[in-house]
PDB file of N, CA and C in Angstrom:
ATOM      1  N   MET A   1     -25.843  -4.062   6.861  1.00  0.00           N
ATOM      2  CA  MET A   1     -24.882  -5.233   6.417  1.00  0.00           C
ATOM      3  C   MET A   1     -24.284  -4.880   5.004  1.00  0.00           C
ATOM      4  N   ASP A   2     -25.020  -4.165   4.180  1.00  0.00           N
ATOM      5  CA  ASP A   2     -24.595  -3.900   2.848  1.00  0.00           C
ATOM      6  C   ASP A   2     -23.414  -2.989   2.967  1.00  0.00           C
ATOM      7  N   ASP A   3     -23.370  -2.003   3.854  1.00  0.00           N
ATOM      8  CA  ASP A   3     -22.291  -0.935   4.046  1.00  0.00           C
ATOM      9  C   ASP A   3     -20.994  -1.841   4.308  1.00  0.00           C
ATOM     10  N   LEU A   4     -21.154  -2.889   5.213  1.00  0.00           N
ATOM     11  CA  LEU A   4     -20.102  -3.573   5.663  1.00  0.00           C
ATOM     12  C   LEU A   4     -19.309  -4.256   4.405  1.00  0.00           C
ATOM     13  N   ASN A   5     -20.264  -4.990   3.567  1.00  0.00           N
ATOM     14  CA  ASN A   5     -19.729  -5.745   2.339  1.00  0.00           C
ATOM     15  C   ASN A   5     -18.992  -4.707   1.374  1.00  0.00           C
ATOM     16  N   SER A   6     -19.607  -3.472   1.230  1.00  0.00           N
ATOM     17  CA  SER A   6     -19.195  -2.442   0.279  1.00  0.00           C
ATOM     18  C   SER A   6     -17.926  -2.003   0.789  1.00  0.00           C
ATOM     19  N   GLU A   7     -17.588  -2.015   2.130  1.00  0.00           N
ATOM     20  CA  GLU A   7     -16.263  -1.518   2.500  1.00  0.00           C
ATOM     21  C   GLU A   7     -15.111  -2.545   2.105  1.00  0.00           C
ATOM     22  N   TRP A   8     -15.544  -3.774   2.318  1.00  0.00           N
ATOM     23  CA  TRP A   8     -14.476  -4.767   1.819  1.00  0.00           C
ATOM     24  C   TRP A   8     -14.098  -4.783   0.373  1.00  0.00           C
ATOM     25  N   GLN A   9     -15.064  -4.263  -0.363  1.00  0.00           N
ATOM     26  CA  GLN A   9     -14.942  -4.108  -1.922  1.00  0.00           C
ATOM     27  C   GLN A   9     -14.393  -2.810  -2.406  1.00  0.00           C
ATOM     28  N   ARG A  10     -14.389  -1.747  -1.680  1.00  0.00           N
ATOM     29  CA  ARG A  10     -14.011  -0.477  -2.062  1.00  0.00           C
ATOM     30  C   ARG A  10     -12.452  -0.370  -2.212  1.00  0.00           C
ATOM     31  N   LYS A  11     -12.109   0.210  -3.187  1.00  0.00           N
ATOM     32  CA  LYS A  11     -10.630   0.211  -3.671  1.00  0.00           C
ATOM     33  C   LYS A  11      -9.926   1.155  -2.538  1.00  0.00           C
ATOM     34  N   GLY A  12      -8.918   0.523  -1.951  1.00  0.00           N
ATOM     35  CA  GLY A  12      -8.179   1.210  -0.963  1.00  0.00           C
ATOM     36  C   GLY A  12      -8.503   1.031   0.399  1.00  0.00           C
ATOM     37  N   ALA A  13      -9.773   0.480   0.590  1.00  0.00           N
ATOM     38  CA  ALA A  13     -10.386   0.309   1.990  1.00  0.00           C
ATOM     39  C   ALA A  13      -9.616  -0.920   2.547  1.00  0.00           C
ATOM     40  N   THR A  14      -9.129  -1.861   1.995  1.00  0.00           N
ATOM     41  CA  THR A  14      -8.514  -2.974   2.655  1.00  0.00           C
ATOM     42  C   THR A  14      -7.030  -3.030   2.222  1.00  0.00           C
ATOM     43  N   LEU A  15      -6.278  -3.884   3.021  1.00  0.00           N
ATOM     44  CA  LEU A  15      -4.817  -4.038   2.712  1.00  0.00           C
ATOM     45  C   LEU A  15      -4.390  -5.429   3.350  1.00  0.00           C
ATOM     46  N   SER A  16      -3.424  -6.049   2.695  1.00  0.00           N
ATOM     47  CA  SER A  16      -3.120  -7.318   3.204  1.00  0.00           C
ATOM     48  C   SER A  16      -2.299  -7.172   4.608  1.00  0.00           C
ATOM     49  N   ASP A  17      -2.120  -8.315   5.346  1.00  0.00           N
ATOM     50  CA  ASP A  17      -1.302  -8.183   6.573  1.00  0.00           C
ATOM     51  C   ASP A  17       0.025  -7.925   6.246  1.00  0.00           C
ATOM     52  N   LYS A  18       0.625  -8.337   5.064  1.00  0.00           N
ATOM     53  CA  LYS A  18       1.949  -8.058   4.661  1.00  0.00           C
ATOM     54  C   LYS A  18       2.121  -6.385   4.530  1.00  0.00           C
ATOM     55  N   THR A  19       1.152  -5.852   3.772  1.00  0.00           N
ATOM     56  CA  THR A  19       1.154  -4.485   3.612  1.00  0.00           C
ATOM     57  C   THR A  19       1.085  -3.734   4.921  1.00  0.00           C
ATOM     58  N   ALA A  20       0.231  -4.089   5.879  1.00  0.00           N
ATOM     59  CA  ALA A  20       0.066  -3.562   7.161  1.00  0.00           C
ATOM     60  C   ALA A  20       1.393  -3.677   7.928  1.00  0.00           C
ATOM     61  N   ARG A  21       2.029  -4.735   7.742  1.00  0.00           N
ATOM     62  CA  ARG A  21       3.434  -4.835   8.475  1.00  0.00           C
ATOM     63  C   ARG A  21       4.307  -3.768   7.895  1.00  0.00           C
ATOM     64  N   LYS A  22       4.478  -3.726   6.605  1.00  0.00           N
ATOM     65  CA  LYS A  22       5.386  -2.824   5.880  1.00  0.00           C
ATOM     66  C   LYS A  22       4.940  -1.393   6.062  1.00  0.00           C
ATOM     67  N   GLU A  23       3.761  -1.126   5.861  1.00  0.00           N
ATOM     68  CA  GLU A  23       3.270   0.385   5.828  1.00  0.00           C
ATOM     69  C   GLU A  23       3.246   0.918   7.203  1.00  0.00           C
ATOM     70  N   PHE A  24       2.742   0.193   8.189  1.00  0.00           N
ATOM     71  CA  PHE A  24       2.506   0.697   9.616  1.00  0.00           C
ATOM     72  C   PHE A  24       3.518   0.118  10.634  1.00  0.00           C
ATOM     73  N   GLY A  25       4.448  -0.662  10.163  1.00  0.00           N
ATOM     74  CA  GLY A  25       5.416  -1.080  11.321  1.00  0.00           C
ATOM     75  C   GLY A  25       4.801  -2.111  12.213  1.00  0.00           C
ATOM     76  N   LEU A  26       3.818  -2.817  11.828  1.00  0.00           N
ATOM     77  CA  LEU A  26       3.270  -3.687  12.712  1.00  0.00           C
ATOM     78  C   LEU A  26       3.990  -5.270  12.660  1.00  0.00           C
ATOM     79  N   THR A  27       3.839  -6.022  13.573  1.00  0.00           N
ATOM     80  CA  THR A  27       4.525  -7.278  13.431  1.00  0.00           C
ATOM     81  C   THR A  27       3.326  -8.221  13.230  1.00  0.00           C
ATOM     82  N   GLN A  28       3.546  -9.394  12.823  1.00  0.00           N
ATOM     83  CA  GLN A  28       2.447 -10.446  12.585  1.00  0.00           C
ATOM     84  C   GLN A  28       1.861 -10.807  13.894  1.00  0.00           C
ATOM     85  N   ASP A  29       2.633 -10.820  14.970  1.00  0.00           N
ATOM     86  CA  ASP A  29       2.048 -11.092  16.297  1.00  0.00           C
ATOM     87  C   ASP A  29       1.040 -10.114  16.721  1.00  0.00           C
ATOM     88  N   GLU A  30       1.518  -8.878  16.525  1.00  0.00           N
ATOM     89  CA  GLU A  30       0.528  -7.858  16.914  1.00  0.00           C
ATOM     90  C   GLU A  30      -0.839  -7.862  16.064  1.00  0.00           C
ATOM     91  N   ILE A  31      -0.752  -8.176  14.810  1.00  0.00           N
ATOM     92  CA  ILE A  31      -1.853  -8.218  14.033  1.00  0.00           C
ATOM     93  C   ILE A  31      -2.779  -9.418  14.715  1.00  0.00           C
ATOM     94  N   VAL A  32      -2.162 -10.644  14.615  1.00  0.00           N
ATOM     95  CA  VAL A  32      -2.910 -11.688  15.265  1.00  0.00           C
ATOM     96  C   VAL A  32      -3.568 -11.557  16.646  1.00  0.00           C
ATOM     97  N   LYS A  33      -2.866 -10.920  17.571  1.00  0.00           N
ATOM     98  CA  LYS A  33      -3.449 -10.540  18.821  1.00  0.00           C
ATOM     99  C   LYS A  33      -4.515  -9.463  18.748  1.00  0.00           C
ATOM    100  N   ALA A  34      -4.407  -8.627  17.774  1.00  0.00           N
ATOM    101  CA  ALA A  34      -5.598  -7.662  17.621  1.00  0.00           C
ATOM    102  C   ALA A  34      -6.931  -8.368  17.006  1.00  0.00           C
ATOM    103  N   ILE A  35      -6.625  -9.293  16.108  1.00  0.00           N
ATOM    104  CA  ILE A  35      -7.661 -10.088  15.595  1.00  0.00           C
ATOM    105  C   ILE A  35      -8.276 -10.976  16.586  1.00  0.00           C
ATOM    106  N   ARG A  36      -7.594 -11.617  17.413  1.00  0.00           N
ATOM    107  CA  ARG A  36      -8.183 -12.438  18.575  1.00  0.00           C
ATOM    108  C   ARG A  36      -8.781 -11.450  19.628  1.00  0.00           C
ATOM    109  N   ALA A  37      -8.369 -10.191  19.650  1.00  0.00           N
ATOM    110  CA  ALA A  37      -9.104  -9.331  20.743  1.00  0.00           C
ATOM    111  C   ALA A  37     -10.305  -8.705  20.161  1.00  0.00           C
ATOM    112  N   GLY A  38     -10.514  -8.890  18.680  1.00  0.00           N
ATOM    113  CA  GLY A  38     -11.695  -8.396  18.216  1.00  0.00           C
ATOM    114  C   GLY A  38     -11.469  -6.933  17.722  1.00  0.00           C
ATOM    115  N   LYS A  39     -10.264  -6.384  17.721  1.00  0.00           N
ATOM    116  CA  LYS A  39     -10.025  -5.083  17.229  1.00  0.00           C
ATOM    117  C   LYS A  39      -9.802  -5.001  15.739  1.00  0.00           C
ATOM    118  N   LEU A  40      -9.535  -6.095  15.022  1.00  0.00           N
ATOM    119  CA  LEU A  40      -9.290  -6.024  13.695  1.00  0.00           C
ATOM    120  C   LEU A  40     -10.314  -7.342  13.002  1.00  0.00           C
ATOM    121  N   ARG A  41     -10.933  -6.998  12.050  1.00  0.00           N
ATOM    122  CA  ARG A  41     -11.826  -7.944  11.197  1.00  0.00           C
ATOM    123  C   ARG A  41     -10.836  -8.422   9.973  1.00  0.00           C
ATOM    124  N   TYR A  42     -11.014  -9.576   9.632  1.00  0.00           N
ATOM    125  CA  TYR A  42     -10.197  -9.970   8.353  1.00  0.00           C
ATOM    126  C   TYR A  42     -10.993 -10.951   7.696  1.00  0.00           C
ATOM    127  N   ARG A  43     -10.274 -11.272   6.490  1.00  0.00           N
ATOM    128  CA  ARG A  43     -10.937 -12.330   5.624  1.00  0.00           C
ATOM    129  C   ARG A  43      -9.628 -13.072   4.944  1.00  0.00           C
ATOM    130  N   HIS A  44      -9.814 -14.389   5.028  1.00  0.00           N
ATOM    131  CA  HIS A  44      -8.803 -15.166   4.310  1.00  0.00           C
ATOM    132  C   HIS A  44      -8.903 -15.042   2.850  1.00  0.00           C
ATOM    133  N   THR A  45      -7.786 -14.798   2.247  1.00  0.00           N
ATOM    134  CA  THR A  45      -7.808 -14.637   0.857  1.00  0.00           C
ATOM    135  C   THR A  45      -6.468 -15.313   0.295  1.00  0.00           C
ATOM    136  N   SER A  46      -6.246 -15.598  -1.069  1.00  0.00           N
ATOM    137  CA  SER A  46      -5.142 -16.155  -1.523  1.00  0.00           C
ATOM    138  C   SER A  46      -5.004 -15.636  -2.933  1.00  0.00           C
ATOM    139  N   ILE A  47      -3.772 -15.431  -3.463  1.00  0.00           N
ATOM    140  CA  ILE A  47      -3.327 -15.059  -4.823  1.00  0.00           C
ATOM    141  C   ILE A  47      -2.384 -16.026  -5.173  1.00  0.00           C
ATOM    142  N   TYR A  48      -2.576 -16.620  -6.380  1.00  0.00           N
ATOM    143  CA  TYR A  48      -1.693 -17.640  -6.882  1.00  0.00           C
ATOM    144  C   TYR A  48      -1.336 -18.706  -5.986  1.00  0.00           C
ATOM    145  N   GLY A  49      -2.448 -19.182  -5.068  1.00  0.00           N
ATOM    146  CA  GLY A  49      -2.204 -20.166  -4.061  1.00  0.00           C
ATOM    147  C   GLY A  49      -1.468 -19.644  -2.740  1.00  0.00           C
ATOM    148  N   ASN A  50      -1.039 -18.473  -2.700  1.00  0.00           N
ATOM    149  CA  ASN A  50      -0.510 -17.908  -1.427  1.00  0.00           C
ATOM    150  C   ASN A  50      -1.478 -17.313  -0.597  1.00  0.00           C
ATOM    151  N   PRO A  51      -1.713 -17.825   0.596  1.00  0.00           N
ATOM    152  CA  PRO A  51      -2.769 -17.335   1.484  1.00  0.00           C
ATOM    153  C   PRO A  51      -2.218 -16.073   2.344  1.00  0.00           C
ATOM    154  N   PHE A  52      -3.177 -15.219   2.521  1.00  0.00           N
ATOM    155  CA  PHE A  52      -2.892 -13.887   3.316  1.00  0.00           C
ATOM    156  C   PHE A  52      -4.173 -13.408   3.892  1.00  0.00           C
ATOM    157  N   LEU A  53      -3.939 -12.473   4.884  1.00  0.00           N
ATOM    158  CA  LEU A  53      -5.135 -11.943   5.582  1.00  0.00           C
ATOM    159  C   LEU A  53      -5.536 -10.601   4.944  1.00  0.00           C
ATOM    160  N   ARG A  54      -6.764 -10.361   4.636  1.00  0.00           N
ATOM    161  CA  ARG A  54      -7.216  -9.121   4.161  1.00  0.00           C
ATOM    162  C   ARG A  54      -7.733  -8.357   5.263  1.00  0.00           C
ATOM    163  N   LEU A  55      -7.349  -7.175   5.598  1.00  0.00           N
ATOM    164  CA  LEU A  55      -7.701  -6.311   6.761  1.00  0.00           C
ATOM    165  C   LEU A  55      -8.299  -4.998   6.311  1.00  0.00           C
ATOM    166  N   LEU A  56      -9.153  -4.470   7.174  1.00  0.00           N
ATOM    167  CA  LEU A  56      -9.640  -3.177   6.773  1.00  0.00           C
ATOM    168  C   LEU A  56      -8.712  -1.997   7.216  1.00  0.00           C
ATOM    169  N   ARG A  57      -8.270  -1.133   6.284  1.00  0.00           N
ATOM    170  CA  ARG A  57      -7.393  -0.134   6.591  1.00  0.00           C
ATOM    171  C   ARG A  57      -7.786   0.721   7.697  1.00  0.00           C
ATOM    172  N   ARG A  58      -8.971   1.126   7.862  1.00  0.00           N
ATOM    173  CA  ARG A  58      -9.332   2.135   8.861  1.00  0.00           C
ATOM    174  C   ARG A  58      -9.228   1.483  10.241  1.00  0.00           C
ATOM    175  N   GLU A  59      -9.447   0.151  10.431  1.00  0.00           N
ATOM    176  CA  GLU A  59      -9.242  -0.579  11.595  1.00  0.00           C
ATOM    177  C   GLU A  59      -7.660  -0.756  12.065  1.00  0.00           C
ATOM    178  N   VAL A  60      -6.907  -0.828  10.951  1.00  0.00           N
ATOM    179  CA  VAL A  60      -5.465  -1.007  11.198  1.00  0.00           C
ATOM    180  C   VAL A  60      -4.914   0.345  11.535  1.00  0.00           C
ATOM    181  N   GLU A  61      -5.427   1.555  10.811  1.00  0.00           N
ATOM    182  CA  GLU A  61      -4.929   2.742  11.362  1.00  0.00           C
ATOM    183  C   GLU A  61      -5.338   2.961  12.649  1.00  0.00           C
ATOM    184  N   ALA A  62      -6.540   2.602  13.192  1.00  0.00           N
ATOM    185  CA  ALA A  62      -7.001   2.803  14.647  1.00  0.00           C
ATOM    186  C   ALA A  62      -6.122   2.064  15.563  1.00  0.00           C
ATOM    187  N   LEU A  63      -5.819   0.863  15.141  1.00  0.00           N
ATOM    188  CA  LEU A  63      -4.977   0.092  16.023  1.00  0.00           C
ATOM    189  C   LEU A  63      -3.600   0.751  16.226  1.00  0.00           C
ATOM    190  N   VAL A  64      -3.002   1.145  15.176  1.00  0.00           N
ATOM    191  CA  VAL A  64      -1.719   1.843  15.133  1.00  0.00           C
ATOM    192  C   VAL A  64      -1.785   3.135  16.107  1.00  0.00           C
ATOM    193  N   LYS A  65      -2.894   3.801  15.832  1.00  0.00           N
ATOM    194  CA  LYS A  65      -2.948   5.109  16.389  1.00  0.00           C
ATOM    195  C   LYS A  65      -3.073   4.829  18.043  1.00  0.00           C
ATOM    196  N   ARG A  66      -3.870   3.885  18.552  1.00  0.00           N
ATOM    197  CA  ARG A  66      -4.052   3.374  19.873  1.00  0.00           C
ATOM    198  C   ARG A  66      -2.692   2.999  20.449  1.00  0.00           C
ATOM    199  N   LYS A  67      -1.979   2.180  19.627  1.00  0.00           N
ATOM    200  CA  LYS A  67      -0.744   1.528  20.083  1.00  0.00           C
ATOM    201  C   LYS A  67       0.369   2.452  20.282  1.00  0.00           C
ATOM    202  N   HIS A  68       0.567   3.249  19.155  1.00  0.00           N
ATOM    203  CA  HIS A  68       1.855   4.060  18.899  1.00  0.00           C
ATOM    204  C   HIS A  68       1.595   5.506  19.064  1.00  0.00           C
ATOM    205  N   GLY A  69       0.321   5.988  18.940  1.00  0.00           N
ATOM    206  CA  GLY A  69      -0.017   7.370  18.975  1.00  0.00           C
ATOM    207  C   GLY A  69      -0.258   7.922  17.496  1.00  0.00           C
ATOM    208  N   ARG A  70      -0.921   8.996  17.442  1.00  0.00           N
ATOM    209  CA  ARG A  70      -1.247   9.776  16.296  1.00  0.00           C
ATOM    210  C   ARG A  70      -0.058  10.164  15.498  1.00  0.00           C
ATOM    211  N   GLY A  71       0.959  10.767  16.210  1.00  0.00           N
ATOM    212  CA  GLY A  71       2.193  11.164  15.532  1.00  0.00           C
ATOM    213  C   GLY A  71       2.837  10.124  14.798  1.00  0.00           C
ATOM    214  N   TYR A  72       2.898   8.827  15.359  1.00  0.00           N
ATOM    215  CA  TYR A  72       3.701   7.670  14.663  1.00  0.00           C
ATOM    216  C   TYR A  72       2.885   7.293  13.495  1.00  0.00           C
ATOM    217  N   LEU A  73       1.536   7.348  13.468  1.00  0.00           N
ATOM    218  CA  LEU A  73       0.671   7.039  12.317  1.00  0.00           C
ATOM    219  C   LEU A  73       0.966   8.041  11.290  1.00  0.00           C
ATOM    220  N   LYS A  74       0.933   9.263  11.472  1.00  0.00           N
ATOM    221  CA  LYS A  74       1.242  10.438  10.624  1.00  0.00           C
ATOM    222  C   LYS A  74       2.566  10.150  10.026  1.00  0.00           C
ATOM    223  N   THR A  75       3.734   9.811  10.799  1.00  0.00           N
ATOM    224  CA  THR A  75       4.965   9.712  10.303  1.00  0.00           C
ATOM    225  C   THR A  75       5.130   8.472   9.476  1.00  0.00           C
ATOM    226  N   GLN A  76       4.512   7.380   9.597  1.00  0.00           N
ATOM    227  CA  GLN A  76       4.382   6.073   8.886  1.00  0.00           C
ATOM    228  C   GLN A  76       3.798   6.429   7.506  1.00  0.00           C
ATOM    229  N   GLN A  77       2.552   7.141   7.558  1.00  0.00           N
ATOM    230  CA  GLN A  77       1.803   7.495   6.441  1.00  0.00           C
ATOM    231  C   GLN A  77       2.741   8.362   5.451  1.00  0.00           C
ATOM    232  N   ALA A  78       3.395   9.259   6.107  1.00  0.00           N
ATOM    233  CA  ALA A  78       4.303  10.227   5.210  1.00  0.00           C
ATOM    234  C   ALA A  78       5.429   9.479   4.762  1.00  0.00           C
ATOM    235  N   LYS A  79       6.013   8.622   5.361  1.00  0.00           N
ATOM    236  CA  LYS A  79       7.148   7.709   4.741  1.00  0.00           C
ATOM    237  C   LYS A  79       6.711   6.870   3.627  1.00  0.00           C
ATOM    238  N   THR A  80       5.493   6.257   3.851  1.00  0.00           N
ATOM    239  CA  THR A  80       4.867   5.393   2.737  1.00  0.00           C
ATOM    240  C   THR A  80       4.588   6.245   1.514  1.00  0.00           C
ATOM    241  N   GLU A  81       4.044   7.523   1.630  1.00  0.00           N
ATOM    242  CA  GLU A  81       3.698   8.272   0.471  1.00  0.00           C
ATOM    243  C   GLU A  81       5.018   8.772  -0.156  1.00  0.00           C
ATOM    244  N   LEU A  82       6.004   9.114   0.601  1.00  0.00           N
ATOM    245  CA  LEU A  82       7.298   9.543   0.154  1.00  0.00           C
ATOM    246  C   LEU A  82       7.966   8.472  -0.784  1.00  0.00           C
ATOM    247  N   ALA A  83       7.798   7.092  -0.399  1.00  0.00           N
ATOM    248  CA  ALA A  83       8.387   5.892  -0.900  1.00  0.00           C
ATOM    249  C   ALA A  83       7.692   5.748  -2.377  1.00  0.00           C
ATOM    250  N   ARG A  84       6.287   5.882  -2.263  1.00  0.00           N
ATOM    251  CA  ARG A  84       5.457   5.805  -3.417  1.00  0.00           C
ATOM    252  C   ARG A  84       5.796   6.886  -4.518  1.00  0.00           C
ATOM    253  N   ILE A  85       6.004   8.083  -3.995  1.00  0.00           N
ATOM    254  CA  ILE A  85       6.336   9.255  -5.022  1.00  0.00           C
ATOM    255  C   ILE A  85       7.742   9.051  -5.687  1.00  0.00           C
ATOM    256  N   THR A  86       8.664   8.598  -4.837  1.00  0.00           N
ATOM    257  CA  THR A  86      10.068   8.368  -5.273  1.00  0.00           C
ATOM    258  C   THR A  86       9.979   7.260  -6.307  1.00  0.00           C
ATOM    259  N   ARG A  87       9.282   6.226  -5.978  1.00  0.00           N
ATOM    260  CA  ARG A  87       9.200   5.110  -7.077  1.00  0.00           C
ATOM    261  C   ARG A  87       8.645   5.673  -8.386  1.00  0.00           C
ATOM    262  N   GLU A  88       7.472   6.501  -8.248  1.00  0.00           N
ATOM    263  CA  GLU A  88       6.824   7.022  -9.444  1.00  0.00           C
ATOM    264  C   GLU A  88       7.850   8.016 -10.229  1.00  0.00           C
ATOM    265  N   LEU A  89       8.600   8.757  -9.549  1.00  0.00           N
ATOM    266  CA  LEU A  89       9.527   9.812 -10.208  1.00  0.00           C
ATOM    267  C   LEU A  89      10.586   8.867 -10.982  1.00  0.00           C
ATOM    268  N   ARG A  90      11.129   7.901 -10.322  1.00  0.00           N
ATOM    269  CA  ARG A  90      12.119   6.946 -10.928  1.00  0.00           C
ATOM    270  C   ARG A  90      11.640   6.433 -12.193  1.00  0.00           C
ATOM    271  N   ARG A  91      10.312   6.012 -12.217  1.00  0.00           N
ATOM    272  CA  ARG A  91       9.632   5.355 -13.230  1.00  0.00           C
ATOM    273  C   ARG A  91       9.443   6.378 -14.374  1.00  0.00           C
ATOM    274  N   LEU A  92       9.049   7.598 -13.983  1.00  0.00           N
ATOM    275  CA  LEU A  92       8.891   8.682 -14.954  1.00  0.00           C
ATOM    276  C   LEU A  92      10.205   9.089 -15.727  1.00  0.00           C
ATOM    277  N   LYS A  93      11.228   9.241 -14.884  1.00  0.00           N
ATOM    278  CA  LYS A  93      12.568   9.602 -15.361  1.00  0.00           C
ATOM    279  C   LYS A  93      13.128   8.496 -16.409  1.00  0.00           C
ATOM    280  N   THR A  94      12.905   7.317 -16.015  1.00  0.00           N
ATOM    281  CA  THR A  94      13.250   6.218 -17.085  1.00  0.00           C
ATOM    282  C   THR A  94      12.411   6.386 -18.505  1.00  0.00           C
ATOM    283  N   GLN A  95      11.109   6.745 -18.240  1.00  0.00           N
ATOM    284  CA  GLN A  95      10.262   6.806 -19.260  1.00  0.00           C
ATOM    285  C   GLN A  95      10.679   8.136 -20.239  1.00  0.00           C
ATOM    286  N   VAL A  96      10.893   9.144 -19.440  1.00  0.00           N
ATOM    287  CA  VAL A  96      11.385  10.395 -20.207  1.00  0.00           C
ATOM    288  C   VAL A  96      12.670  10.155 -20.918  1.00  0.00           C
ATOM    289  N   THR A  97      13.525   9.470 -20.269  1.00  0.00           N
ATOM    290  CA  THR A  97      14.907   9.145 -20.967  1.00  0.00           C
ATOM    291  C   THR A  97      14.658   8.277 -22.149  1.00  0.00           C
ATOM    292  N   ALA A  98      13.816   7.288 -22.113  1.00  0.00           N
ATOM    293  CA  ALA A  98      13.483   6.369 -23.342  1.00  0.00           C
ATOM    294  C   ALA A  98      12.753   7.271 -24.537  1.00  0.00           C
ATOM    295  N   LEU A  99      11.915   8.182 -24.139  1.00  0.00           N
ATOM    296  CA  LEU A  99      11.263   8.908 -25.055  1.00  0.00           C
ATOM    297  C   LEU A  99      12.324   9.926 -25.704  1.00  0.00           C
ATOM    298  N   GLU A 100      13.240  10.543 -24.965  1.00  0.00           N
ATOM    299  CA  GLU A 100      14.203  11.456 -25.490  1.00  0.00           C
ATOM    300  C   GLU A 100      15.078  10.644 -26.522  1.00  0.00           C
ATOM    301  N   ARG A 101      15.492   9.554 -25.985  1.00  0.00           N
ATOM    302  CA  ARG A 101      16.384   8.701 -26.985  1.00  0.00           C
ATOM    303  C   ARG A 101      15.632   8.352 -28.340  1.00  0.00           C
ATOM    304  N   ARG A 102      14.270   8.035 -28.217  1.00  0.00           N
ATOM    305  CA  ARG A 102      13.403   7.781 -29.551  1.00  0.00           C
ATOM    306  C   ARG A 102      13.405   8.982 -30.195  1.00  0.00           C
ATOM    307  N   ARG A 103      13.166  10.279 -29.657  1.00  0.00           N
ATOM    308  CA  ARG A 103      13.096  11.455 -30.230  1.00  0.00           C
ATOM    309  C   ARG A 103      14.343  11.676 -31.044  1.00  0.00           C
ATOM    310  N   SER A 104      15.510  11.607 -30.402  1.00  0.00           N
ATOM    311  CA  SER A 104      16.902  11.791 -31.025  1.00  0.00           C
ATOM    312  C   SER A 104      16.954  10.837 -32.254  1.00  0.00           C
ATOM    313  N   HIS A 105      16.651   9.704 -32.190  1.00  0.00           N
ATOM    314  CA  HIS A 105      16.606   8.866 -33.400  1.00  0.00           C
ATOM    315  C   HIS A 105      15.757   9.327 -34.507  1.00  0.00           C
ATOM    316  N   LEU A 106      14.530   9.674 -34.188  1.00  0.00           N
ATOM    317  CA  LEU A 106      13.654  10.142 -35.137  1.00  0.00           C
ATOM    318  C   LEU A 106      14.110  11.441 -35.844  1.00  0.00           C
ATOM    319  N   ILE A 107      14.776  12.298 -35.118  1.00  0.00           N
ATOM    320  CA  ILE A 107      15.287  13.601 -35.598  1.00  0.00           C
ATOM    321  C   ILE A 107      16.474  13.361 -36.434  1.00  0.00           C
ATOM    322  N   ALA A 108      17.285  12.306 -36.070  1.00  0.00           N
ATOM    323  CA  ALA A 108      18.398  11.987 -36.876  1.00  0.00           C
ATOM    324  C   ALA A 108      18.008  11.427 -38.206  1.00  0.00           C
ATOM    325  N   GLY A 109      16.872  10.588 -38.239  1.00  0.00           N
ATOM    326  CA  GLY A 109      16.466   9.921 -39.340  1.00  0.00           C
ATOM    327  C   GLY A 109      15.796  11.065 -40.314  1.00  0.00           C
ATOM    328  N   LEU A 110      15.272  12.141 -39.835  1.00  0.00           N
ATOM    329  CA  LEU A 110      14.604  13.213 -40.547  1.00  0.00           C
ATOM    330  C   LEU A 110      15.879  14.003 -41.183  1.00  0.00           C
ATOM    331  N   GLU A 111      16.958  14.154 -40.740  1.00  0.00           N
ATOM    332  CA  GLU A 111      17.890  15.097 -41.109  1.00  0.00           C
ATOM    333  C   GLU A 111      18.740  14.201 -42.319  1.00  0.00           C
ATOM    334  N   THR A 112      18.636  12.979 -42.351  1.00  0.00           N
ATOM    335  CA  THR A 112      19.490  12.266 -43.399  1.00  0.00           C
ATOM    336  C   THR A 112      18.697  12.024 -44.732  1.00  0.00           C
TER     337      THR A 112
END
C-alpha cells in the first residue's frame, strides 16, 4: 500500500484531467468512462478553489495505448515534448536578448 501512495506523490507520476485532455487528446467523457470502468484511478483535488481530477500518468498512457494504439501515444508524446522545447527556446531567446542589451549598456558605460 505504501508503493501506491508514493506513486501519487512522485513528481511527474500524476497529471490533471485537463492535462490528460491536452497532452493525450482525450475527452472528459472518455476519462469519466474509464474511471467508471475501473481503468483509471483518481483523486479529487483543488487549487485556489478550482476542483480537478488527479490521475496516474501510467494509467492514462495505458488507456490511450489501448484506445488509439502505441503509434498515437508516441506521436502525442512527441508533440507535447516539441511544444515544451519550443516554449523553453522562446524563453531562453528572450533571456539572451535581455542579457545582450544589458551587456551593451554596461560596455557603453565603461567606454565613457
